[in-house]
Amino acid sequence: MPENDKREEKRSEAEERFAAKVRAREKRKLKKRREGEHGAWFGLGMFGLVGWSVAVPTIAGIAIGVWLDAKFEGQRSWTLTFLFIGIVIGCINAWFWIKRESNRT
């Protein structure tokens, strides 16, 4: 009999966690309905945020690459290498911000 009590207690805890998640999601949705949909300014802001989150690492990568090319001459182009690295980092950064905003709704 004590095992049944433990199972029911675990099930009860799991149900309570699930209910808390549902309540939190419901609260967010109700708040969103009260506040209304995001307007054009929000979209422009997100567009700018994503743009800057890609542009800054890309430009930093180019700057590092140009500096390395001037410092260490060779057959490899450090500028192209760090351009690619900057774009990859920027895209990961943009993905992070978009995912973060989509989880808020």
Protein backbone atom coordinates (compact mmCIF):
# COMPACT_ATOMS: atom_id res chain seq x y z
CA MET A 1 0.00 0.00 0.00
CA PRO A 2 2.77 2.53 0.71
CA GLU A 3 4.00 2.13 -2.90
CA ASN A 4 0.59 3.17 -4.19
CA ASP A 5 0.72 6.24 -1.99
CA LYS A 6 4.13 7.16 -3.40
CA ARG A 7 2.91 6.70 -6.97
CA GLU A 8 -0.14 8.83 -6.33
CA GLU A 9 2.04 11.48 -4.67
CA LYS A 10 4.39 11.53 -7.69
CA ARG A 11 1.43 11.69 -10.05
CA SER A 12 -0.06 14.49 -7.99
CA GLU A 13 3.22 16.46 -8.13
CA ALA A 14 3.43 15.95 -11.90
CA GLU A 15 -0.17 17.05 -12.34
CA GLU A 16 0.47 20.15 -10.23
CA ARG A 17 3.54 21.09 -12.32
CA PHE A 18 1.53 20.58 -15.49
CA ALA A 19 -1.33 22.69 -14.12
CA ALA A 20 1.14 25.45 -13.20
CA LYS A 21 2.52 25.45 -16.76
CA VAL A 22 -0.99 25.63 -18.19
CA ARG A 23 -1.89 28.51 -15.85
CA ALA A 24 1.26 30.42 -16.83
CA ARG A 25 0.57 29.95 -20.54
CA GLU A 26 -3.07 30.97 -20.09
CA LYS A 27 -1.99 34.08 -18.21
CA ARG A 28 0.40 35.06 -21.04
CA LYS A 29 -2.27 34.53 -23.68
CA LEU A 30 -4.85 36.56 -21.78
CA LYS A 31 -2.33 39.38 -21.32
CA LYS A 32 -1.58 39.28 -25.04
CA ARG A 33 -5.29 39.53 -25.87
CA ARG A 34 -5.67 42.53 -23.57
CA GLU A 35 -2.64 44.29 -25.03
CA GLY A 36 -3.50 43.41 -28.62
CA GLU A 37 -1.30 42.29 -31.45
CA HIS A 38 2.16 43.71 -32.04
CA GLY A 39 2.12 46.61 -34.44
CA ALA A 40 4.33 47.67 -37.28
CA TRP A 41 6.81 49.32 -34.91
CA PHE A 42 7.41 46.02 -33.16
CA GLY A 43 8.08 44.34 -36.51
CA LEU A 44 10.48 47.10 -37.53
CA GLY A 45 12.21 46.84 -34.18
CA MET A 46 12.64 43.08 -34.56
CA PHE A 47 13.87 43.55 -38.13
CA GLY A 48 16.46 46.03 -36.86
CA LEU A 49 17.47 43.79 -33.98
CA VAL A 50 18.01 40.82 -36.27
CA GLY A 51 19.89 42.99 -38.77
CA TRP A 52 22.25 44.41 -36.19
CA SER A 53 22.78 41.03 -34.55
CA VAL A 54 24.11 39.75 -37.89
CA ALA A 55 25.87 42.93 -39.05
CA VAL A 56 27.98 43.61 -35.94
CA PRO A 57 29.72 40.20 -35.76
CA THR A 58 30.21 40.24 -39.54
CA ILE A 59 31.88 43.65 -39.49
CA ALA A 60 33.98 42.65 -36.48
CA GLY A 61 35.06 39.50 -38.32
CA ILE A 62 36.05 41.54 -41.37
CA ALA A 63 38.04 43.97 -39.21
CA ILE A 64 39.91 41.14 -37.49
CA GLY A 65 40.57 39.49 -40.85
CA VAL A 66 41.92 42.69 -42.44
CA TRP A 67 44.19 43.23 -39.43
CA LEU A 68 45.48 39.63 -39.60
CA ASP A 69 46.05 39.91 -43.37
CA ALA A 70 48.12 43.06 -42.85
CA LYS A 71 50.05 41.54 -39.95
CA PHE A 72 50.70 38.06 -41.37
CA GLU A 73 51.02 37.88 -45.12
CA GLY A 74 50.34 34.48 -46.61
CA GLN A 75 48.33 32.47 -49.10
CA ARG A 76 45.23 32.33 -46.90
CA SER A 77 42.80 35.19 -46.76
CA TRP A 78 42.03 35.84 -43.12
CA THR A 79 39.47 38.44 -44.15
CA LEU A 80 37.32 35.83 -45.94
CA THR A 81 37.79 33.35 -43.12
CA PHE A 82 36.66 35.78 -40.44
CA LEU A 83 33.90 37.14 -42.68
CA PHE A 84 32.44 33.64 -42.77
CA ILE A 85 32.93 33.17 -39.02
CA GLY A 86 31.24 36.54 -38.35
CA ILE A 87 28.25 35.64 -40.51
CA VAL A 88 27.85 32.27 -38.76
CA ILE A 89 28.04 33.89 -35.32
CA GLY A 90 25.60 36.61 -36.43
CA CYS A 91 23.09 34.08 -37.73
CA ILE A 92 23.27 32.10 -34.49
CA ASN A 93 22.78 35.34 -32.57
CA ALA A 94 19.76 36.29 -34.71
CA TRP A 95 18.28 32.81 -34.25
CA PHE A 96 18.65 33.22 -30.48
CA TRP A 97 16.75 36.54 -30.49
CA ILE A 98 13.97 35.28 -32.74
CA LYS A 99 13.53 32.14 -30.65
CA ARG A 100 13.46 34.23 -27.48
CA GLU A 101 10.73 36.50 -28.87
CA SER A 102 8.67 33.60 -30.20
CA ASN A 103 8.75 31.94 -26.76
CA ARG A 104 7.29 35.06 -25.16
CA THR A 105 4.01 34.62 -27.02
